[in-house]
C-alpha atoms as a PDB file:
ATOM      1  CA  MET A   1     -13.920  19.876  -5.378  1.00  0.00           C
ATOM      2  CA  PRO A   2     -10.823  19.821  -3.147  1.00  0.00           C
ATOM      3  CA  LYS A   3      -7.684  21.506  -4.482  1.00  0.00           C
ATOM      4  CA  ALA A   4      -5.215  19.471  -2.421  1.00  0.00           C
ATOM      5  CA  LEU A   5      -4.903  15.959  -1.074  1.00  0.00           C
ATOM      6  CA  VAL A   6      -3.243  15.268   2.271  1.00  0.00           C
ATOM      7  CA  VAL A   7      -2.321  11.663   3.079  1.00  0.00           C
ATOM      8  CA  VAL A   8      -1.768  10.660   6.707  1.00  0.00           C
ATOM      9  CA  GLU A   9      -1.312   7.192   8.206  1.00  0.00           C
ATOM     10  CA  SER A  10      -4.431   6.752  10.343  1.00  0.00           C
ATOM     11  CA  PRO A  11      -8.152   7.382   9.757  1.00  0.00           C
ATOM     12  CA  ALA A  12      -8.479   9.127  13.140  1.00  0.00           C
ATOM     13  CA  LYS A  13      -5.776  11.650  12.175  1.00  0.00           C
ATOM     14  CA  ALA A  14      -7.415  12.108   8.780  1.00  0.00           C
ATOM     15  CA  LYS A  15     -10.760  12.939  10.362  1.00  0.00           C
ATOM     16  CA  THR A  16      -9.269  15.445  12.808  1.00  0.00           C
ATOM     17  CA  ILE A  17      -6.992  17.163  10.281  1.00  0.00           C
ATOM     18  CA  ASN A  18      -9.817  17.353   7.740  1.00  0.00           C
ATOM     19  CA  LYS A  19     -11.766  19.520  10.224  1.00  0.00           C
ATOM     20  CA  TYR A  20      -8.800  21.896  10.474  1.00  0.00           C
ATOM     21  CA  LEU A  21      -8.235  22.324   6.738  1.00  0.00           C
ATOM     22  CA  GLY A  22     -11.734  22.781   5.319  1.00  0.00           C
ATOM     23  CA  ARG A  23     -13.253  22.246   1.868  1.00  0.00           C
ATOM     24  CA  ASP A  24     -10.148  22.973  -0.202  1.00  0.00           C
ATOM     25  CA  PHE A  25      -8.440  19.885   1.225  1.00  0.00           C
ATOM     26  CA  LYS A  26      -9.265  16.216   1.234  1.00  0.00           C
ATOM     27  CA  VAL A  27      -7.481  14.261   3.980  1.00  0.00           C
ATOM     28  CA  VAL A  28      -7.225  10.481   3.624  1.00  0.00           C
ATOM     29  CA  ALA A  29      -5.401   7.652   5.408  1.00  0.00           C
ATOM     30  CA  SER A  30      -2.897   5.212   3.916  1.00  0.00           C
ATOM     31  CA  MET A  31      -3.299   2.815   6.855  1.00  0.00           C
ATOM     32  CA  GLY A  32       0.481   2.657   7.254  1.00  0.00           C
ATOM     33  CA  HIS A  33       2.799   1.027   4.706  1.00  0.00           C
ATOM     34  CA  ILE A  34       1.413   0.417   1.217  1.00  0.00           C
ATOM     35  CA  ARG A  35       4.471  -1.361  -0.261  1.00  0.00           C
ATOM     36  CA  ASP A  36       6.982  -3.816   1.162  1.00  0.00           C
ATOM     37  CA  LEU A  37       9.437  -6.513   0.158  1.00  0.00           C
ATOM     38  CA  PRO A  38       7.656  -9.617  -1.176  1.00  0.00           C
ATOM     39  CA  LYS A  39       6.904 -12.382   1.313  1.00  0.00           C
ATOM     40  CA  SER A  40       7.633 -15.239  -1.080  1.00  0.00           C
ATOM     41  CA  LYS A  41      11.206 -14.370  -2.074  1.00  0.00           C
ATOM     42  CA  LEU A  42      14.264 -12.502  -0.814  1.00  0.00           C
ATOM     43  CA  GLY A  43      13.220  -9.279  -2.571  1.00  0.00           C
ATOM     44  CA  VAL A  44      16.715  -7.765  -2.486  1.00  0.00           C
ATOM     45  CA  ASP A  45      19.008  -7.745  -5.520  1.00  0.00           C
ATOM     46  CA  ILE A  46      22.331  -8.523  -3.857  1.00  0.00           C
ATOM     47  CA  ASP A  47      24.273  -8.387  -7.135  1.00  0.00           C
ATOM     48  CA  GLU A  48      23.061  -4.873  -7.988  1.00  0.00           C
ATOM     49  CA  GLY A  49      23.948  -3.047  -4.791  1.00  0.00           C
ATOM     50  CA  PHE A  50      21.299  -4.499  -2.456  1.00  0.00           C
ATOM     51  CA  VAL A  51      18.434  -2.813  -4.305  1.00  0.00           C
ATOM     52  CA  PRO A  52      15.073  -3.634  -2.686  1.00  0.00           C
ATOM     53  CA  ASP A  53      12.269  -4.937  -4.897  1.00  0.00           C
ATOM     54  CA  TYR A  54       9.089  -3.449  -3.446  1.00  0.00           C
ATOM     55  CA  GLU A  55       5.588  -4.555  -4.304  1.00  0.00           C
ATOM     56  CA  ALA A  56       2.153  -3.453  -3.196  1.00  0.00           C
ATOM     57  CA  ILE A  57       1.053  -5.100   0.028  1.00  0.00           C
ATOM     58  CA  PRO A  58      -1.902  -7.303  -1.016  1.00  0.00           C
ATOM     59  CA  ALA A  59      -4.086  -6.066   1.859  1.00  0.00           C
ATOM     60  CA  ARG A  60      -3.446  -2.448   0.782  1.00  0.00           C
ATOM     61  CA  LYS A  61      -4.341  -2.728  -2.932  1.00  0.00           C
ATOM     62  CA  LYS A  62      -7.828  -1.344  -2.300  1.00  0.00           C
ATOM     63  CA  VAL A  63      -6.355   1.536  -0.278  1.00  0.00           C
ATOM     64  CA  ILE A  64      -3.867   2.296  -3.083  1.00  0.00           C
ATOM     65  CA  LYS A  65      -6.723   2.461  -5.598  1.00  0.00           C
ATOM     66  CA  GLU A  66      -8.691   4.783  -3.291  1.00  0.00           C
ATOM     67  CA  LEU A  67      -5.612   7.012  -2.847  1.00  0.00           C
ATOM     68  CA  ARG A  68      -5.043   7.188  -6.611  1.00  0.00           C
ATOM     69  CA  ASP A  69      -8.705   8.080  -7.158  1.00  0.00           C
ATOM     70  CA  ALA A  70      -8.485  10.771  -4.481  1.00  0.00           C
ATOM     71  CA  ALA A  71      -5.359  12.216  -6.152  1.00  0.00           C
ATOM     72  CA  LYS A  72      -7.131  12.707  -9.483  1.00  0.00           C
ATOM     73  CA  GLY A  73      -8.110  16.301 -10.119  1.00  0.00           C
ATOM     74  CA  VAL A  74      -6.219  17.887  -7.224  1.00  0.00           C
ATOM     75  CA  ASP A  75      -3.566  20.541  -7.792  1.00  0.00           C
ATOM     76  CA  GLN A  76      -1.296  19.471  -4.944  1.00  0.00           C
ATOM     77  CA  ILE A  77      -0.536  16.298  -2.995  1.00  0.00           C
ATOM     78  CA  TYR A  78       0.993  16.322   0.477  1.00  0.00           C
ATOM     79  CA  VAL A  79       2.144  13.425   2.624  1.00  0.00           C
ATOM     80  CA  ALA A  80       1.863  14.029   6.355  1.00  0.00           C
ATOM     81  CA  THR A  81       3.088  10.716   7.709  1.00  0.00           C
ATOM     82  CA  ASP A  82       4.691  10.287  11.127  1.00  0.00           C
ATOM     83  CA  PRO A  83       7.925  12.245  11.764  1.00  0.00           C
ATOM     84  CA  ASP A  84      10.204   9.206  12.042  1.00  0.00           C
ATOM     85  CA  ARG A  85      12.101   6.864   9.680  1.00  0.00           C
ATOM     86  CA  GLU A  86       9.090   4.645   9.098  1.00  0.00           C
ATOM     87  CA  GLY A  87       6.836   7.631   8.433  1.00  0.00           C
ATOM     88  CA  GLU A  88       9.359   9.124   6.027  1.00  0.00           C
ATOM     89  CA  ALA A  89       9.583   5.806   4.147  1.00  0.00           C
ATOM     90  CA  ILE A  90       5.787   5.513   4.016  1.00  0.00           C
ATOM     91  CA  GLY A  91       5.675   9.070   2.631  1.00  0.00           C
ATOM     92  CA  TRP A  92       8.309   8.190   0.021  1.00  0.00           C
ATOM     93  CA  HIS A  93       6.314   5.147  -1.119  1.00  0.00           C
ATOM     94  CA  LEU A  94       3.143   7.250  -1.258  1.00  0.00           C
ATOM     95  CA  ALA A  95       4.912   9.939  -3.286  1.00  0.00           C
ATOM     96  CA  ASN A  96       6.194   7.310  -5.726  1.00  0.00           C
ATOM     97  CA  GLU A  97       2.730   5.814  -6.047  1.00  0.00           C
ATOM     98  CA  LEU A  98       0.702   9.029  -6.296  1.00  0.00           C
ATOM     99  CA  GLY A  99       3.061  11.647  -7.667  1.00  0.00           C
ATOM    100  CA  LYS A 100       4.584  10.032 -10.725  1.00  0.00           C
ATOM    101  CA  ASP A 101       4.096  13.162 -12.794  1.00  0.00           C
ATOM    102  CA  ARG A 102       4.183  15.859 -10.113  1.00  0.00           C
ATOM    103  CA  LYS A 103       5.946  16.961  -6.962  1.00  0.00           C
ATOM    104  CA  VAL A 104       4.563  15.713  -3.676  1.00  0.00           C
ATOM    105  CA  GLY A 105       5.088  17.956  -0.653  1.00  0.00           C
ATOM    106  CA  ARG A 106       5.995  16.716   2.817  1.00  0.00           C
ATOM    107  CA  LEU A 107       4.176  18.157   5.811  1.00  0.00           C
ATOM    108  CA  PHE A 108       5.939  17.766   9.123  1.00  0.00           C
ATOM    109  CA  PHE A 109       4.289  18.265  12.514  1.00  0.00           C
ATOM    110  CA  ASN A 110       4.661  16.740  15.959  1.00  0.00           C
ATOM    111  CA  GLU A 111       1.186  17.412  17.272  1.00  0.00           C
ATOM    112  CA  ILE A 112      -2.285  17.213  15.777  1.00  0.00           C
ATOM    113  CA  THR A 113      -3.441  20.747  16.474  1.00  0.00           C
ATOM    114  CA  LYS A 114      -4.847  23.285  14.047  1.00  0.00           C
ATOM    115  CA  THR A 115      -1.879  25.596  14.659  1.00  0.00           C
ATOM    116  CA  ALA A 116       0.694  22.857  13.989  1.00  0.00           C
ATOM    117  CA  VAL A 117      -1.039  21.603  10.842  1.00  0.00           C
ATOM    118  CA  LEU A 118      -1.460  25.094   9.359  1.00  0.00           C
ATOM    119  CA  GLN A 119       2.168  25.922  10.187  1.00  0.00           C
ATOM    120  CA  ALA A 120       3.291  22.721   8.454  1.00  0.00           C
ATOM    121  CA  LEU A 121       1.473  23.830   5.301  1.00  0.00           C
ATOM    122  CA  LYS A 122       3.444  27.092   5.353  1.00  0.00           C
ATOM    123  CA  GLU A 123       6.715  25.171   5.825  1.00  0.00           C
ATOM    124  CA  GLU A 124       6.263  22.430   3.234  1.00  0.00           C
ATOM    125  CA  ARG A 125       9.454  20.457   2.717  1.00  0.00           C
ATOM    126  CA  ASP A 126      10.829  17.606   0.645  1.00  0.00           C
ATOM    127  CA  ILE A 127      10.921  14.013   1.790  1.00  0.00           C
ATOM    128  CA  ASP A 128      14.153  13.400   3.704  1.00  0.00           C
ATOM    129  CA  LEU A 129      15.876  10.783   1.557  1.00  0.00           C
ATOM    130  CA  LYS A 130      18.532  10.146   4.224  1.00  0.00           C
ATOM    131  CA  MET A 131      15.804   8.990   6.607  1.00  0.00           C
ATOM    132  CA  VAL A 132      14.241   6.887   3.838  1.00  0.00           C
ATOM    133  CA  ASP A 133      17.640   5.313   3.127  1.00  0.00           C
ATOM    134  CA  ALA A 134      18.093   4.585   6.843  1.00  0.00           C
ATOM    135  CA  GLN A 135      14.735   2.828   7.016  1.00  0.00           C
ATOM    136  CA  GLN A 136      15.437   0.889   3.820  1.00  0.00           C
ATOM    137  CA  ALA A 137      18.848  -0.212   5.099  1.00  0.00           C
ATOM    138  CA  ARG A 138      17.248  -1.505   8.299  1.00  0.00           C
ATOM    139  CA  ARG A 139      14.507  -3.268   6.330  1.00  0.00           C
ATOM    140  CA  VAL A 140      16.947  -4.846   3.861  1.00  0.00           C
ATOM    141  CA  LEU A 141      19.235  -5.992   6.681  1.00  0.00           C
ATOM    142  CA  ASP A 142      16.278  -7.534   8.515  1.00  0.00           C
ATOM    143  CA  ARG A 143      15.335  -9.361   5.335  1.00  0.00           C
ATOM    144  CA  LEU A 144      18.837 -10.591   4.523  1.00  0.00           C
ATOM    145  CA  VAL A 145      19.422 -11.909   8.031  1.00  0.00           C
ATOM    146  CA  GLY A 146      15.901 -13.143   8.726  1.00  0.00           C
ATOM    147  CA  TYR A 147      15.249 -14.757   5.364  1.00  0.00           C
ATOM    148  CA  LYS A 148      18.353 -16.910   5.670  1.00  0.00           C
ATOM    149  CA  LEU A 149      18.247 -17.629   9.412  1.00  0.00           C
ATOM    150  CA  SER A 150      14.527 -18.105  10.127  1.00  0.00           C
ATOM    151  CA  PRO A 151      14.229 -21.436   8.225  1.00  0.00           C
ATOM    152  CA  LEU A 152      17.111 -22.772  10.324  1.00  0.00           C
ATOM    153  CA  LEU A 153      15.251 -21.803  13.498  1.00  0.00           C
ATOM    154  CA  TRP A 154      12.083 -23.482  12.208  1.00  0.00           C
ATOM    155  CA  ASP A 155      14.024 -26.668  11.559  1.00  0.00           C
ATOM    156  CA  LYS A 156      16.046 -26.752  14.798  1.00  0.00           C
ATOM    157  CA  VAL A 157      13.868 -24.990  17.375  1.00  0.00           C
ATOM    158  CA  ARG A 158      10.222 -24.333  16.521  1.00  0.00           C
ATOM    159  CA  ARG A 159       8.158 -23.410  13.472  1.00  0.00           C
ATOM    160  CA  GLY A 160       7.052 -19.774  13.310  1.00  0.00           C
ATOM    161  CA  LEU A 161      10.060 -18.243  15.048  1.00  0.00           C
ATOM    162  CA  SER A 162      11.698 -15.368  13.218  1.00  0.00           C
ATOM    163  CA  ALA A 163      15.240 -14.113  13.257  1.00  0.00           C
ATOM    164  CA  GLY A 164      16.189 -10.565  12.475  1.00  0.00           C
ATOM    165  CA  ARG A 165      19.206  -8.376  13.017  1.00  0.00           C
ATOM    166  CA  VAL A 166      18.543  -8.078  16.771  1.00  0.00           C
ATOM    167  CA  GLN A 167      17.662 -11.715  17.395  1.00  0.00           C
ATOM    168  CA  SER A 168      20.682 -12.877  15.383  1.00  0.00           C
ATOM    169  CA  VAL A 169      23.112 -10.927  17.533  1.00  0.00           C
ATOM    170  CA  ALA A 170      21.417 -12.157  20.705  1.00  0.00           C
ATOM    171  CA  THR A 171      21.614 -15.742  19.442  1.00  0.00           C
ATOM    172  CA  ARG A 172      25.299 -15.369  18.685  1.00  0.00           C
ATOM    173  CA  LEU A 173      25.991 -13.938  22.156  1.00  0.00           C
ATOM    174  CA  ILE A 174      24.210 -16.910  23.743  1.00  0.00           C
ATOM    175  CA  VAL A 175      26.139 -19.408  21.622  1.00  0.00           C
ATOM    176  CA  GLU A 176      29.478 -17.733  22.405  1.00  0.00           C
ATOM    177  CA  ARG A 177      28.631 -17.691  26.108  1.00  0.00           C
ATOM    178  CA  GLU A 178      27.698 -21.377  26.025  1.00  0.00           C
ATOM    179  CA  ARG A 179      31.010 -22.214  24.340  1.00  0.00           C
ATOM    180  CA  GLU A 180      32.928 -20.353  27.061  1.00  0.00           C
END
């Protein structure tokens, strides 16, 4: 029985890292994000400080169950998601989902080599909440802008177009230029 669970984002990484760590570790993949803002509503409580309301991504419910099952009976859980804002946020969601009653360690490496993975285990760290907050701020801003502006685009331009923080600024620049 494995003593520790390591969660990465992709099955290919899981397979490779599992070879490096041996029988005491079980390495599984989350397949990327497991939770997100709901598709059917704004999902951000504007009145309470822009708090996001996350829910399990429907296509990932089976993965979440498999991750929970894999976490049963292990002494330690590690998240080894990508070393960027998105990866940190995925790790934070995984930790919230799998580590409700225990600490979840964060493994950080920039290459998938045995040396890098084993070194990361020696240098376990906490999830960087500043990076998580940065990703959440970007996600909430995308939602606030896109959720309000996209229906206008569907009505005036073409169905299926989406507007986010980048597209909104570009649209405004075009409109201002046209007015000049």
